Amino acid sequence: MTNKRICPICNSKMKQQFIGLLHCKCGISYHRDLGYFKRNENMIFVLERKKDR
C-alpha cells in the first residue's frame, strides 16, 4: 500500500511515521480514525511509552 495523502494546507506529500498516522512539515497530521488535525507543541509521537518514576 502506498501513501497517496496530500496535505490540504501546503499540498505536499505526507510522510508515514506509524501505520495509519501521517505527518506533514507544516504541522498537519492525519490519522485514519481521526482525520486531519493540527499538531501542538506538546504532542509527542513515540514508539514506546515510558512511565515517570
N, C-alpha and C. Protein backbone atom coordinates (compact mmCIF):
# COMPACT_ATOMS: atom_id res chain seq x y z
N MET A 1 0.84 -1.18 0.00
CA MET A 1 0.00 0.00 0.00
C MET A 1 0.88 1.24 0.00
N THR A 2 0.62 2.16 -0.88
CA THR A 2 1.44 3.36 -0.98
C THR A 2 0.72 4.54 -0.33
N ASN A 3 1.51 5.48 0.12
CA ASN A 3 0.99 6.69 0.74
C ASN A 3 0.65 7.69 -0.36
N LYS A 4 -0.63 8.03 -0.50
CA LYS A 4 -1.05 8.99 -1.51
C LYS A 4 -1.75 10.19 -0.89
N ARG A 5 -1.59 10.39 0.41
CA ARG A 5 -2.22 11.53 1.07
C ARG A 5 -1.44 12.80 0.77
N ILE A 6 -2.16 13.83 0.43
CA ILE A 6 -1.58 15.15 0.17
C ILE A 6 -2.11 16.10 1.25
N CYS A 7 -1.22 16.91 1.79
CA CYS A 7 -1.60 17.86 2.84
C CYS A 7 -2.60 18.88 2.27
N PRO A 8 -3.73 19.10 2.96
CA PRO A 8 -4.71 20.07 2.46
C PRO A 8 -4.26 21.52 2.63
N ILE A 9 -3.24 21.78 3.45
CA ILE A 9 -2.76 23.14 3.69
C ILE A 9 -1.69 23.54 2.67
N CYS A 10 -0.62 22.73 2.56
CA CYS A 10 0.51 23.12 1.70
C CYS A 10 0.64 22.26 0.44
N ASN A 11 -0.24 21.29 0.24
CA ASN A 11 -0.27 20.44 -0.95
C ASN A 11 1.00 19.61 -1.16
N SER A 12 1.73 19.32 -0.08
CA SER A 12 2.90 18.45 -0.22
C SER A 12 2.52 17.04 0.23
N LYS A 13 3.34 16.07 -0.13
CA LYS A 13 3.09 14.69 0.20
C LYS A 13 3.33 14.45 1.69
N MET A 14 2.42 13.75 2.35
CA MET A 14 2.56 13.47 3.77
C MET A 14 3.37 12.20 3.96
N LYS A 15 4.16 12.16 5.03
CA LYS A 15 5.02 11.01 5.31
C LYS A 15 4.44 10.19 6.44
N GLN A 16 4.56 8.87 6.31
CA GLN A 16 4.03 7.96 7.32
C GLN A 16 5.06 7.71 8.40
N GLN A 17 4.64 7.88 9.68
CA GLN A 17 5.51 7.58 10.82
C GLN A 17 5.12 6.24 11.40
N PHE A 18 3.84 6.01 11.59
CA PHE A 18 3.30 4.75 12.07
C PHE A 18 2.18 4.34 11.13
N ILE A 19 1.73 3.12 11.23
CA ILE A 19 0.63 2.67 10.40
C ILE A 19 -0.61 3.49 10.74
N GLY A 20 -1.15 4.15 9.74
CA GLY A 20 -2.34 4.97 9.93
C GLY A 20 -2.09 6.37 10.43
N LEU A 21 -0.83 6.77 10.63
CA LEU A 21 -0.52 8.11 11.12
C LEU A 21 0.48 8.77 10.17
N LEU A 22 0.04 9.87 9.54
CA LEU A 22 0.86 10.58 8.57
C LEU A 22 1.13 11.99 9.06
N HIS A 23 2.28 12.55 8.66
CA HIS A 23 2.67 13.89 9.08
C HIS A 23 3.12 14.72 7.89
N CYS A 24 2.94 16.03 8.01
CA CYS A 24 3.43 16.99 7.02
C CYS A 24 4.34 17.99 7.74
N LYS A 25 5.24 18.60 6.99
CA LYS A 25 6.18 19.57 7.56
C LYS A 25 5.48 20.81 8.13
N CYS A 26 4.31 21.13 7.60
CA CYS A 26 3.62 22.36 8.03
C CYS A 26 2.88 22.22 9.36
N GLY A 27 2.85 21.03 9.95
CA GLY A 27 2.22 20.85 11.26
C GLY A 27 0.88 20.15 11.23
N ILE A 28 0.48 19.64 10.08
CA ILE A 28 -0.78 18.92 9.96
C ILE A 28 -0.49 17.42 10.00
N SER A 29 -1.34 16.68 10.69
CA SER A 29 -1.23 15.23 10.73
C SER A 29 -2.54 14.62 10.28
N TYR A 30 -2.49 13.35 9.92
CA TYR A 30 -3.69 12.62 9.51
C TYR A 30 -3.68 11.26 10.18
N HIS A 31 -4.79 10.92 10.81
CA HIS A 31 -4.95 9.59 11.39
C HIS A 31 -6.21 9.00 10.77
N ARG A 32 -6.16 7.74 10.42
CA ARG A 32 -7.28 7.14 9.69
C ARG A 32 -8.59 7.17 10.48
N ASP A 33 -8.53 7.18 11.80
CA ASP A 33 -9.75 7.24 12.61
C ASP A 33 -10.17 8.68 12.92
N LEU A 34 -9.21 9.58 13.07
CA LEU A 34 -9.50 10.97 13.47
C LEU A 34 -9.64 11.92 12.29
N GLY A 35 -8.97 11.64 11.18
CA GLY A 35 -8.94 12.57 10.06
C GLY A 35 -7.76 13.52 10.21
N TYR A 36 -7.86 14.72 9.62
CA TYR A 36 -6.78 15.70 9.69
C TYR A 36 -6.86 16.48 10.99
N PHE A 37 -5.69 16.78 11.58
CA PHE A 37 -5.63 17.62 12.77
C PHE A 37 -4.30 18.34 12.81
N LYS A 38 -4.30 19.50 13.51
CA LYS A 38 -3.08 20.30 13.64
C LYS A 38 -2.35 19.86 14.90
N ARG A 39 -1.04 19.66 14.78
CA ARG A 39 -0.24 19.24 15.93
C ARG A 39 0.09 20.44 16.82
N ASN A 40 0.13 20.19 18.12
CA ASN A 40 0.54 21.19 19.10
C ASN A 40 2.00 20.93 19.47
N GLU A 41 2.60 21.90 20.16
CA GLU A 41 3.99 21.73 20.60
C GLU A 41 4.12 20.61 21.63
N ASN A 42 3.06 20.37 22.40
CA ASN A 42 3.14 19.37 23.46
C ASN A 42 2.79 17.96 22.99
N MET A 43 2.49 17.77 21.71
CA MET A 43 2.21 16.44 21.18
C MET A 43 3.52 15.73 20.87
N ILE A 44 3.66 14.53 21.41
CA ILE A 44 4.86 13.74 21.18
C ILE A 44 4.43 12.38 20.67
N PHE A 45 4.99 11.96 19.53
CA PHE A 45 4.70 10.66 18.97
C PHE A 45 5.94 9.80 19.16
N VAL A 46 5.81 8.74 19.95
CA VAL A 46 6.95 7.90 20.27
C VAL A 46 6.61 6.43 20.02
N LEU A 47 7.64 5.62 19.87
CA LEU A 47 7.45 4.20 19.66
C LEU A 47 7.12 3.47 20.96
N GLU A 48 7.69 3.93 22.07
CA GLU A 48 7.45 3.30 23.36
C GLU A 48 6.99 4.34 24.36
N ARG A 49 6.09 3.94 25.24
CA ARG A 49 5.66 4.83 26.30
C ARG A 49 6.49 4.57 27.55
N LYS A 50 7.08 5.61 28.09
CA LYS A 50 7.90 5.49 29.30
C LYS A 50 7.15 6.15 30.45
N LYS A 51 7.07 5.44 31.57
CA LYS A 51 6.42 6.00 32.75
C LYS A 51 7.43 6.71 33.62
N ASP A 52 7.00 7.84 34.20
CA ASP A 52 7.86 8.56 35.15
C ASP A 52 7.87 7.80 36.46
N ARG A 53 8.98 7.86 37.14
CA ARG A 53 9.10 7.14 38.42
C ARG A 53 8.49 7.89 39.54
